[in-house]
Amino acid sequence: MMDRLDQTLDFASQALALRTQRQSILAGNIANADTPGYQARDIPFAATLKRAVSDAAARVEGVPLRLTSAGHIAGKSQPSQPINLMYRVPDQPSADGNTVDMDRERVAFSENSVKYQTDLTYLSNQIKWLSSAIQG
């Protein structure tokens, strides 16, 4: 039971973390809409989430932290996986080499925001359900 609970909460937290990173990437694209030569970037969300979940299931042990003092408590850290950033192919090339399409970026930003809120609501409901099951 605890394993299933851990998997459910881990999946939701991984999805929220990736949505947050994607939101930051999309915001960077929007902020650089007028920067000459800027290449719009994005992540393949579904593939990245699948890889993050499978990597989380594969790693049982964390990375040992280096102790620099005798008073420090030993601990483990989970290694972070690099994000596979991809460049967008522009629909219409720009004279200055900028590939940001503001309409596409706004839609992606809004869609990611709605999905983030949905994931957050799902996680909140799961926690409420578990809390009510524990309290009876």
N, C-alpha and C. Protein backbone atom coordinates (compact mmCIF):
# COMPACT_ATOMS: atom_id res chain seq x y z
N MET A 1 0.82 -1.19 0.00
CA MET A 1 0.00 0.00 0.00
C MET A 1 0.86 1.26 0.00
N MET A 2 1.89 1.26 0.83
CA MET A 2 2.77 2.42 0.90
C MET A 2 3.50 2.63 -0.42
N ASP A 3 3.82 1.53 -1.10
CA ASP A 3 4.51 1.64 -2.38
C ASP A 3 3.62 2.32 -3.42
N ARG A 4 2.35 1.94 -3.43
CA ARG A 4 1.39 2.55 -4.38
C ARG A 4 1.17 4.02 -4.04
N LEU A 5 1.08 4.33 -2.76
CA LEU A 5 0.93 5.71 -2.32
C LEU A 5 2.14 6.53 -2.75
N ASP A 6 3.31 5.99 -2.54
CA ASP A 6 4.54 6.67 -2.93
C ASP A 6 4.59 6.91 -4.44
N GLN A 7 4.20 5.90 -5.22
CA GLN A 7 4.19 6.04 -6.68
C GLN A 7 3.22 7.12 -7.14
N THR A 8 2.04 7.16 -6.54
CA THR A 8 1.03 8.14 -6.92
C THR A 8 1.50 9.56 -6.61
N LEU A 9 1.99 9.76 -5.42
CA LEU A 9 2.45 11.09 -5.04
C LEU A 9 3.71 11.48 -5.79
N ASP A 10 4.58 10.52 -6.07
CA ASP A 10 5.81 10.82 -6.81
C ASP A 10 5.49 11.22 -8.25
N PHE A 11 4.53 10.52 -8.87
CA PHE A 11 4.14 10.87 -10.23
C PHE A 11 3.58 12.29 -10.29
N ALA A 12 2.71 12.62 -9.34
CA ALA A 12 2.11 13.95 -9.32
C ALA A 12 3.15 15.02 -9.06
N SER A 13 4.08 14.77 -8.16
CA SER A 13 5.11 15.77 -7.87
C SER A 13 6.07 15.93 -9.05
N GLN A 14 6.38 14.83 -9.75
CA GLN A 14 7.21 14.92 -10.95
C GLN A 14 6.51 15.74 -12.03
N ALA A 15 5.21 15.51 -12.20
CA ALA A 15 4.45 16.25 -13.21
C ALA A 15 4.41 17.73 -12.87
N LEU A 16 4.20 18.07 -11.60
CA LEU A 16 4.18 19.48 -11.21
C LEU A 16 5.54 20.13 -11.42
N ALA A 17 6.61 19.42 -11.08
CA ALA A 17 7.95 19.99 -11.27
C ALA A 17 8.25 20.24 -12.75
N LEU A 18 7.85 19.30 -13.60
CA LEU A 18 8.08 19.49 -15.04
C LEU A 18 7.21 20.60 -15.60
N ARG A 19 5.98 20.70 -15.14
CA ARG A 19 5.12 21.81 -15.59
C ARG A 19 5.71 23.16 -15.17
N THR A 20 6.29 23.22 -13.98
CA THR A 20 6.93 24.45 -13.51
C THR A 20 8.12 24.80 -14.40
N GLN A 21 8.94 23.81 -14.73
CA GLN A 21 10.09 24.07 -15.60
C GLN A 21 9.64 24.48 -16.99
N ARG A 22 8.60 23.85 -17.50
CA ARG A 22 8.11 24.21 -18.83
C ARG A 22 7.55 25.63 -18.81
N GLN A 23 6.88 26.01 -17.74
CA GLN A 23 6.34 27.36 -17.64
C GLN A 23 7.47 28.38 -17.67
N SER A 24 8.56 28.08 -17.01
CA SER A 24 9.73 28.97 -17.01
C SER A 24 10.33 29.08 -18.41
N ILE A 25 10.40 27.98 -19.13
CA ILE A 25 10.95 27.98 -20.49
C ILE A 25 10.06 28.80 -21.42
N LEU A 26 8.75 28.61 -21.31
CA LEU A 26 7.81 29.36 -22.15
C LEU A 26 7.84 30.85 -21.81
N ALA A 27 7.97 31.18 -20.53
CA ALA A 27 8.08 32.58 -20.13
C ALA A 27 9.36 33.21 -20.71
N GLY A 28 10.43 32.43 -20.74
CA GLY A 28 11.67 32.91 -21.36
C GLY A 28 11.51 33.17 -22.84
N ASN A 29 10.75 32.31 -23.51
CA ASN A 29 10.48 32.52 -24.93
C ASN A 29 9.72 33.83 -25.15
N ILE A 30 8.70 34.05 -24.33
CA ILE A 30 7.89 35.26 -24.45
C ILE A 30 8.73 36.50 -24.14
N ALA A 31 9.57 36.41 -23.12
CA ALA A 31 10.40 37.55 -22.75
C ALA A 31 11.41 37.91 -23.84
N ASN A 32 11.82 36.92 -24.62
CA ASN A 32 12.82 37.16 -25.67
C ASN A 32 12.21 37.26 -27.06
N ALA A 33 10.95 37.62 -27.14
CA ALA A 33 10.26 37.70 -28.43
C ALA A 33 10.90 38.73 -29.36
N ASP A 34 11.52 39.75 -28.82
CA ASP A 34 12.13 40.80 -29.65
C ASP A 34 13.64 40.71 -29.70
N THR A 35 14.23 39.66 -29.15
CA THR A 35 15.68 39.49 -29.15
C THR A 35 16.12 38.90 -30.48
N PRO A 36 16.95 39.61 -31.24
CA PRO A 36 17.40 39.07 -32.53
C PRO A 36 18.20 37.78 -32.35
N GLY A 37 17.88 36.78 -33.16
CA GLY A 37 18.60 35.51 -33.13
C GLY A 37 18.18 34.55 -32.05
N TYR A 38 17.21 34.92 -31.21
CA TYR A 38 16.78 34.02 -30.14
C TYR A 38 16.01 32.86 -30.73
N GLN A 39 16.31 31.67 -30.28
CA GLN A 39 15.65 30.44 -30.73
C GLN A 39 14.66 29.99 -29.66
N ALA A 40 13.38 29.93 -30.02
CA ALA A 40 12.35 29.48 -29.08
C ALA A 40 12.59 28.02 -28.71
N ARG A 41 12.40 27.70 -27.42
CA ARG A 41 12.65 26.35 -26.93
C ARG A 41 11.43 25.81 -26.21
N ASP A 42 11.39 24.51 -26.08
CA ASP A 42 10.32 23.84 -25.35
C ASP A 42 10.80 22.44 -24.99
N ILE A 43 10.05 21.75 -24.15
CA ILE A 43 10.38 20.37 -23.81
C ILE A 43 9.24 19.47 -24.28
N PRO A 44 9.56 18.26 -24.71
CA PRO A 44 8.50 17.28 -25.00
C PRO A 44 7.98 16.74 -23.66
N PHE A 45 6.86 17.29 -23.19
CA PHE A 45 6.41 17.04 -21.82
C PHE A 45 6.16 15.56 -21.54
N ALA A 46 5.40 14.91 -22.40
CA ALA A 46 5.02 13.51 -22.14
C ALA A 46 6.26 12.60 -22.08
N ALA A 47 7.18 12.77 -23.02
CA ALA A 47 8.38 11.93 -23.04
C ALA A 47 9.27 12.23 -21.84
N THR A 48 9.37 13.49 -21.47
CA THR A 48 10.20 13.87 -20.33
C THR A 48 9.61 13.34 -19.03
N LEU A 49 8.28 13.41 -18.89
CA LEU A 49 7.64 12.88 -17.69
C LEU A 49 7.79 11.36 -17.61
N LYS A 50 7.63 10.69 -18.73
CA LYS A 50 7.80 9.23 -18.75
C LYS A 50 9.22 8.84 -18.33
N ARG A 51 10.21 9.59 -18.84
CA ARG A 51 11.60 9.31 -18.48
C ARG A 51 11.85 9.61 -17.01
N ALA A 52 11.29 10.70 -16.49
CA ALA A 52 11.49 11.06 -15.09
C ALA A 52 10.89 10.02 -14.16
N VAL A 53 9.71 9.51 -14.50
CA VAL A 53 9.05 8.51 -13.66
C VAL A 53 9.81 7.19 -13.71
N SER A 54 10.26 6.79 -14.90
CA SER A 54 11.01 5.53 -14.99
C SER A 54 12.37 5.64 -14.31
N ASP A 55 13.00 6.82 -14.38
CA ASP A 55 14.27 7.02 -13.69
C ASP A 55 14.07 7.00 -12.18
N ALA A 56 12.96 7.56 -11.72
CA ALA A 56 12.67 7.57 -10.28
C ALA A 56 12.44 6.16 -9.76
N ALA A 57 11.79 5.34 -10.59
CA ALA A 57 11.55 3.95 -10.17
C ALA A 57 12.84 3.15 -10.18
N ALA A 58 13.75 3.49 -11.08
CA ALA A 58 15.00 2.74 -11.21
C ALA A 58 16.00 3.07 -10.11
N ARG A 59 15.99 4.30 -9.64
CA ARG A 59 16.98 4.68 -8.63
C ARG A 59 16.44 4.43 -7.23
N VAL A 60 17.02 3.53 -6.56
CA VAL A 60 16.61 3.21 -5.20
C VAL A 60 17.51 3.96 -4.23
N GLU A 61 18.77 3.96 -4.52
CA GLU A 61 19.74 4.64 -3.69
C GLU A 61 19.95 6.05 -4.19
N GLY A 62 20.21 6.97 -3.29
CA GLY A 62 20.53 8.33 -3.65
C GLY A 62 22.03 8.52 -3.77
N VAL A 63 22.43 9.72 -3.99
CA VAL A 63 23.84 10.07 -4.06
C VAL A 63 24.29 10.45 -2.67
N PRO A 64 25.38 9.84 -2.16
CA PRO A 64 25.81 10.20 -0.81
C PRO A 64 26.34 11.63 -0.79
N LEU A 65 25.95 12.37 0.25
CA LEU A 65 26.42 13.74 0.39
C LEU A 65 27.74 13.75 1.12
N ARG A 66 28.60 14.67 0.74
CA ARG A 66 29.92 14.77 1.35
C ARG A 66 29.82 15.52 2.68
N LEU A 67 30.37 14.94 3.72
CA LEU A 67 30.38 15.57 5.03
C LEU A 67 31.64 16.41 5.16
N THR A 68 31.47 17.67 5.52
CA THR A 68 32.62 18.57 5.67
C THR A 68 32.95 18.86 7.12
N SER A 69 32.11 18.34 8.03
CA SER A 69 32.33 18.56 9.45
C SER A 69 31.82 17.35 10.20
N ALA A 70 32.43 17.09 11.36
CA ALA A 70 32.00 15.95 12.16
C ALA A 70 30.59 16.14 12.70
N GLY A 71 30.12 17.37 12.78
CA GLY A 71 28.78 17.64 13.29
C GLY A 71 27.68 17.49 12.25
N HIS A 72 28.04 17.28 11.00
CA HIS A 72 27.04 17.13 9.95
C HIS A 72 26.36 15.77 10.01
N ILE A 73 25.11 15.72 9.61
CA ILE A 73 24.36 14.48 9.58
C ILE A 73 24.45 13.91 8.17
N ALA A 74 24.74 12.63 8.08
CA ALA A 74 24.84 11.98 6.77
C ALA A 74 23.48 11.94 6.11
N GLY A 75 23.45 12.08 4.82
CA GLY A 75 22.19 12.06 4.10
C GLY A 75 22.39 11.61 2.67
N LYS A 76 21.30 11.49 1.96
CA LYS A 76 21.33 11.10 0.55
C LYS A 76 20.62 12.17 -0.26
N SER A 77 21.11 12.39 -1.45
CA SER A 77 20.50 13.34 -2.37
C SER A 77 20.12 12.61 -3.64
N GLN A 78 18.97 12.95 -4.18
CA GLN A 78 18.56 12.33 -5.44
C GLN A 78 19.15 13.13 -6.60
N PRO A 79 19.83 12.46 -7.53
CA PRO A 79 20.41 13.18 -8.67
C PRO A 79 19.31 13.71 -9.59
N SER A 80 19.52 14.91 -10.10
CA SER A 80 18.54 15.48 -11.01
C SER A 80 18.90 15.12 -12.44
N GLN A 81 17.88 14.85 -13.23
CA GLN A 81 18.08 14.49 -14.63
C GLN A 81 18.05 15.75 -15.48
N PRO A 82 18.94 15.85 -16.46
CA PRO A 82 18.90 17.02 -17.33
C PRO A 82 17.64 17.02 -18.19
N ILE A 83 17.13 18.21 -18.45
CA ILE A 83 15.93 18.37 -19.28
C ILE A 83 16.36 18.43 -20.74
N ASN A 84 15.63 17.71 -21.59
CA ASN A 84 15.91 17.68 -23.01
C ASN A 84 15.20 18.84 -23.70
N LEU A 85 15.90 20.00 -23.78
CA LEU A 85 15.32 21.17 -24.44
C LEU A 85 15.40 21.00 -25.94
N MET A 86 14.30 21.33 -26.60
CA MET A 86 14.25 21.23 -28.05
C MET A 86 13.92 22.62 -28.60
N TYR A 87 14.45 22.91 -29.79
CA TYR A 87 14.17 24.18 -30.44
C TYR A 87 12.91 24.04 -31.29
N ARG A 88 12.11 25.08 -31.32
CA ARG A 88 10.89 25.08 -32.13
C ARG A 88 11.23 25.40 -33.57
N VAL A 89 10.52 24.78 -34.48
CA VAL A 89 10.64 25.10 -35.90
C VAL A 89 9.64 26.21 -36.18
N PRO A 90 10.11 27.36 -36.67
CA PRO A 90 9.18 28.49 -36.88
C PRO A 90 8.25 28.25 -38.06
N ASP A 91 7.02 28.74 -37.94
CA ASP A 91 6.06 28.67 -39.04
C ASP A 91 6.43 29.66 -40.13
N GLN A 92 6.87 30.83 -39.68
CA GLN A 92 7.25 31.87 -40.62
C GLN A 92 8.58 32.44 -40.16
N PRO A 93 9.63 32.32 -40.98
CA PRO A 93 10.94 32.81 -40.56
C PRO A 93 10.96 34.32 -40.37
N SER A 94 11.77 34.75 -39.43
CA SER A 94 11.91 36.16 -39.13
C SER A 94 13.19 36.69 -39.77
N ALA A 95 13.20 37.95 -40.11
CA ALA A 95 14.37 38.55 -40.74
C ALA A 95 15.57 38.61 -39.79
N ASP A 96 15.29 38.75 -38.49
CA ASP A 96 16.38 38.85 -37.52
C ASP A 96 16.78 37.50 -36.93
N GLY A 97 16.16 36.41 -37.37
CA GLY A 97 16.53 35.07 -36.90
C GLY A 97 15.80 34.63 -35.65
N ASN A 98 14.89 35.45 -35.12
CA ASN A 98 14.13 35.09 -33.94
C ASN A 98 13.02 34.12 -34.34
N THR A 99 12.88 33.02 -33.59
CA THR A 99 11.88 32.00 -33.94
C THR A 99 10.68 31.99 -33.00
N VAL A 100 10.52 33.02 -32.17
CA VAL A 100 9.40 33.07 -31.23
C VAL A 100 8.14 33.51 -31.97
N ASP A 101 7.11 32.68 -31.92
CA ASP A 101 5.79 33.01 -32.45
C ASP A 101 4.91 33.30 -31.24
N MET A 102 4.58 34.57 -31.03
CA MET A 102 3.87 34.97 -29.82
C MET A 102 2.52 34.27 -29.66
N ASP A 103 1.81 34.06 -30.76
CA ASP A 103 0.52 33.36 -30.65
C ASP A 103 0.72 31.95 -30.13
N ARG A 104 1.68 31.25 -30.69
CA ARG A 104 1.96 29.87 -30.25
C ARG A 104 2.43 29.84 -28.79
N GLU A 105 3.28 30.80 -28.42
CA GLU A 105 3.80 30.84 -27.05
C GLU A 105 2.70 31.14 -26.04
N ARG A 106 1.81 32.06 -26.38
CA ARG A 106 0.70 32.39 -25.47
C ARG A 106 -0.21 31.18 -25.27
N VAL A 107 -0.51 30.49 -26.35
CA VAL A 107 -1.37 29.31 -26.25
C VAL A 107 -0.69 28.23 -25.41
N ALA A 108 0.59 27.98 -25.67
CA ALA A 108 1.32 26.96 -24.90
C ALA A 108 1.41 27.36 -23.42
N PHE A 109 1.64 28.64 -23.16
CA PHE A 109 1.73 29.13 -21.78
C PHE A 109 0.40 28.95 -21.05
N SER A 110 -0.70 29.33 -21.70
CA SER A 110 -2.02 29.20 -21.10
C SER A 110 -2.39 27.73 -20.88
N GLU A 111 -2.12 26.90 -21.88
CA GLU A 111 -2.42 25.47 -21.78
C GLU A 111 -1.63 24.84 -20.64
N ASN A 112 -0.35 25.18 -20.53
CA ASN A 112 0.48 24.64 -19.46
C ASN A 112 -0.02 25.11 -18.09
N SER A 113 -0.48 26.37 -18.00
CA SER A 113 -1.02 26.89 -16.74
C SER A 113 -2.26 26.12 -16.31
N VAL A 114 -3.16 25.86 -17.26
CA VAL A 114 -4.38 25.12 -16.95
C VAL A 114 -4.04 23.70 -16.53
N LYS A 115 -3.12 23.06 -17.23
CA LYS A 115 -2.74 21.69 -16.87
C LYS A 115 -2.01 21.65 -15.53
N TYR A 116 -1.23 22.67 -15.21
CA TYR A 116 -0.58 22.75 -13.90
C TYR A 116 -1.64 22.81 -12.80
N GLN A 117 -2.63 23.68 -13.00
CA GLN A 117 -3.70 23.81 -12.01
C GLN A 117 -4.47 22.50 -11.87
N THR A 118 -4.70 21.80 -12.98
CA THR A 118 -5.39 20.52 -12.94
C THR A 118 -4.58 19.48 -12.16
N ASP A 119 -3.27 19.43 -12.42
CA ASP A 119 -2.40 18.50 -11.70
C ASP A 119 -2.38 18.82 -10.21
N LEU A 120 -2.36 20.11 -9.89
CA LEU A 120 -2.36 20.53 -8.49
C LEU A 120 -3.67 20.14 -7.80
N THR A 121 -4.78 20.31 -8.48
CA THR A 121 -6.09 19.92 -7.94
C THR A 121 -6.15 18.41 -7.73
N TYR A 122 -5.62 17.64 -8.69
CA TYR A 122 -5.59 16.19 -8.57
C TYR A 122 -4.78 15.77 -7.35
N LEU A 123 -3.60 16.36 -7.18
CA LEU A 123 -2.75 16.01 -6.05
C LEU A 123 -3.42 16.39 -4.74
N SER A 124 -4.04 17.54 -4.70
CA SER A 124 -4.75 17.99 -3.50
C SER A 124 -5.89 17.03 -3.15
N ASN A 125 -6.64 16.59 -4.16
CA ASN A 125 -7.73 15.64 -3.92
C ASN A 125 -7.21 14.30 -3.44
N GLN A 126 -6.08 13.85 -3.98
CA GLN A 126 -5.49 12.59 -3.53
C GLN A 126 -5.08 12.68 -2.06
N ILE A 127 -4.50 13.80 -1.68
CA ILE A 127 -4.07 13.98 -0.29
C ILE A 127 -5.29 14.05 0.64
N LYS A 128 -6.34 14.74 0.21
CA LYS A 128 -7.57 14.80 1.02
C LYS A 128 -8.20 13.42 1.16
N TRP A 129 -8.22 12.65 0.07
CA TRP A 129 -8.78 11.31 0.11
C TRP A 129 -8.00 10.43 1.07
N LEU A 130 -6.66 10.51 0.99
CA LEU A 130 -5.82 9.70 1.88
C LEU A 130 -6.00 10.14 3.33
N SER A 131 -6.10 11.43 3.55
CA SER A 131 -6.29 11.94 4.90
C SER A 131 -7.62 11.46 5.50
N SER A 132 -8.67 11.48 4.69
CA SER A 132 -9.97 10.99 5.19
C SER A 132 -9.94 9.50 5.42
N ALA A 133 -9.20 8.75 4.60
CA ALA A 133 -9.09 7.30 4.79
C ALA A 133 -8.33 6.97 6.08
N ILE A 134 -7.32 7.75 6.37
CA ILE A 134 -6.53 7.51 7.58
C ILE A 134 -7.31 7.89 8.83
N GLN A 135 -8.02 9.04 8.79
CA GLN A 135 -8.76 9.51 9.95
C GLN A 135 -10.06 8.76 10.18
N GLY A 136 -10.59 8.19 9.12
CA GLY A 136 -11.81 7.40 9.25
C GLY A 136 -13.09 8.16 9.21
